[in-house]
């Protein structure tokens, strides 16, 4: 495993731990708090939609250039289509 891959692996593990921690907080939260958090997440995604589409296109192109499996690169992603 390269150093870059190790860094990504550690970052993903940390992100996963943060998600597990957040899920415990959300599980104990009142419905109003959960709804507000979901709406905030939706707003964040909506406000960065074009950036997400662009980043996805770059990732797909990089995958194609590296010979990644066509089926994996072309899974339907209706929420990210331009």
C-alpha atoms as a PDB file:
ATOM      1  CA  UNK A   1       0.000   0.000   0.000  1.00  0.00           C
ATOM      2  CA  UNK A   2       1.369   3.394  -0.963  1.00  0.00           C
ATOM      3  CA  UNK A   3       1.712   6.250   1.494  1.00  0.00           C
ATOM      4  CA  UNK A   4      -1.140   8.069  -0.236  1.00  0.00           C
ATOM      5  CA  UNK A   5      -3.358   4.998   0.074  1.00  0.00           C
ATOM      6  CA  UNK A   6      -2.484   4.704   3.765  1.00  0.00           C
ATOM      7  CA  UNK A   7      -3.406   8.347   4.311  1.00  0.00           C
ATOM      8  CA  UNK A   8      -6.729   7.871   2.545  1.00  0.00           C
ATOM      9  CA  UNK A   9      -7.403   4.712   4.560  1.00  0.00           C
ATOM     10  CA  UNK A  10      -6.767   6.553   7.835  1.00  0.00           C
ATOM     11  CA  UNK A  11      -8.919   9.481   6.738  1.00  0.00           C
ATOM     12  CA  UNK A  12     -11.762   7.135   5.823  1.00  0.00           C
ATOM     13  CA  UNK A  13     -11.482   5.326   9.151  1.00  0.00           C
ATOM     14  CA  UNK A  14     -11.632   8.654  10.981  1.00  0.00           C
ATOM     15  CA  UNK A  15     -14.598   9.780   8.916  1.00  0.00           C
ATOM     16  CA  UNK A  16     -16.353   6.490   9.649  1.00  0.00           C
ATOM     17  CA  UNK A  17     -15.778   6.947  13.380  1.00  0.00           C
ATOM     18  CA  UNK A  18     -17.161  10.473  13.205  1.00  0.00           C
ATOM     19  CA  UNK A  19     -20.245   9.163  11.407  1.00  0.00           C
ATOM     20  CA  UNK A  20     -20.777   6.472  14.064  1.00  0.00           C
ATOM     21  CA  UNK A  21     -20.422   9.077  16.818  1.00  0.00           C
ATOM     22  CA  UNK A  22     -22.863  11.388  15.070  1.00  0.00           C
ATOM     23  CA  UNK A  23     -25.366   8.564  14.593  1.00  0.00           C
ATOM     24  CA  UNK A  24     -25.440   7.970  18.345  1.00  0.00           C
ATOM     25  CA  UNK A  25     -26.117  11.652  18.992  1.00  0.00           C
ATOM     26  CA  UNK A  26     -28.834  11.713  16.333  1.00  0.00           C
ATOM     27  CA  UNK A  27     -30.453   8.550  17.684  1.00  0.00           C
ATOM     28  CA  UNK A  28     -30.966  10.273  21.022  1.00  0.00           C
ATOM     29  CA  UNK A  29     -32.106  13.595  19.536  1.00  0.00           C
ATOM     30  CA  UNK A  30     -35.681  14.827  19.403  1.00  0.00           C
ATOM     31  CA  UNK A  31     -37.546  14.604  16.104  1.00  0.00           C
ATOM     32  CA  UNK A  32     -37.363  18.390  15.572  1.00  0.00           C
ATOM     33  CA  UNK A  33     -33.591  18.281  15.909  1.00  0.00           C
ATOM     34  CA  UNK A  34     -33.314  15.336  13.519  1.00  0.00           C
ATOM     35  CA  UNK A  35     -35.516  17.079  10.956  1.00  0.00           C
ATOM     36  CA  UNK A  36     -33.467  20.285  11.219  1.00  0.00           C
ATOM     37  CA  UNK A  37     -30.245  18.320  10.705  1.00  0.00           C
ATOM     38  CA  UNK A  38     -31.650  16.536   7.653  1.00  0.00           C
ATOM     39  CA  UNK A  39     -32.851  19.819   6.143  1.00  0.00           C
ATOM     40  CA  UNK A  40     -29.435  21.390   6.746  1.00  0.00           C
ATOM     41  CA  UNK A  41     -27.750  18.435   5.045  1.00  0.00           C
ATOM     42  CA  UNK A  42     -30.139  18.723   2.109  1.00  0.00           C
ATOM     43  CA  UNK A  43     -29.409  22.445   1.800  1.00  0.00           C
ATOM     44  CA  UNK A  44     -25.656  21.774   1.876  1.00  0.00           C
ATOM     45  CA  UNK A  45     -25.967  19.193  -0.893  1.00  0.00           C
ATOM     46  CA  UNK A  46     -28.240  21.438  -2.968  1.00  0.00           C
ATOM     47  CA  UNK A  47     -25.878  24.392  -2.635  1.00  0.00           C
ATOM     48  CA  UNK A  48     -22.909  22.351  -3.867  1.00  0.00           C
ATOM     49  CA  UNK A  49     -24.718  20.296  -6.511  1.00  0.00           C
ATOM     50  CA  UNK A  50     -22.718  21.635  -9.464  1.00  0.00           C
ATOM     51  CA  UNK A  51     -19.442  21.092  -7.583  1.00  0.00           C
ATOM     52  CA  UNK A  52     -20.479  17.505  -6.830  1.00  0.00           C
ATOM     53  CA  UNK A  53     -21.361  16.855 -10.468  1.00  0.00           C
ATOM     54  CA  UNK A  54     -18.032  18.285 -11.622  1.00  0.00           C
ATOM     55  CA  UNK A  55     -16.043  16.275  -9.068  1.00  0.00           C
ATOM     56  CA  UNK A  56     -17.952  13.129 -10.036  1.00  0.00           C
ATOM     57  CA  UNK A  57     -17.158  13.670 -13.725  1.00  0.00           C
ATOM     58  CA  UNK A  58     -13.465  14.096 -12.889  1.00  0.00           C
ATOM     59  CA  UNK A  59     -13.510  10.894 -10.821  1.00  0.00           C
ATOM     60  CA  UNK A  60     -15.244   8.962 -13.605  1.00  0.00           C
ATOM     61  CA  UNK A  61     -12.723  10.174 -16.180  1.00  0.00           C
ATOM     62  CA  UNK A  62      -9.821   9.211 -13.906  1.00  0.00           C
ATOM     63  CA  UNK A  63     -11.377   5.774 -13.405  1.00  0.00           C
ATOM     64  CA  UNK A  64     -11.763   5.283 -17.137  1.00  0.00           C
ATOM     65  CA  UNK A  65      -8.141   6.318 -17.705  1.00  0.00           C
ATOM     66  CA  UNK A  66      -7.035   3.742 -15.125  1.00  0.00           C
ATOM     67  CA  UNK A  67      -9.081   1.031 -16.833  1.00  0.00           C
ATOM     68  CA  UNK A  68     -11.703   0.670 -14.119  1.00  0.00           C
ATOM     69  CA  UNK A  69     -14.645  -1.595 -14.819  1.00  0.00           C
ATOM     70  CA  UNK A  70     -17.201   0.054 -17.113  1.00  0.00           C
ATOM     71  CA  UNK A  71     -20.176  -1.208 -15.092  1.00  0.00           C
ATOM     72  CA  UNK A  72     -18.877   0.356 -11.884  1.00  0.00           C
ATOM     73  CA  UNK A  73     -18.230   3.686 -13.595  1.00  0.00           C
ATOM     74  CA  UNK A  74     -21.677   3.768 -15.156  1.00  0.00           C
ATOM     75  CA  UNK A  75     -23.945   2.866 -12.263  1.00  0.00           C
ATOM     76  CA  UNK A  76     -27.034   5.081 -12.275  1.00  0.00           C
ATOM     77  CA  UNK A  77     -26.590   8.209 -10.167  1.00  0.00           C
ATOM     78  CA  UNK A  78     -29.682  10.303 -10.948  1.00  0.00           C
ATOM     79  CA  UNK A  79     -29.047  12.710  -8.078  1.00  0.00           C
ATOM     80  CA  UNK A  80     -25.665  13.683  -9.536  1.00  0.00           C
ATOM     81  CA  UNK A  81     -26.549  14.066 -13.204  1.00  0.00           C
ATOM     82  CA  UNK A  82     -26.034  17.627 -14.520  1.00  0.00           C
END
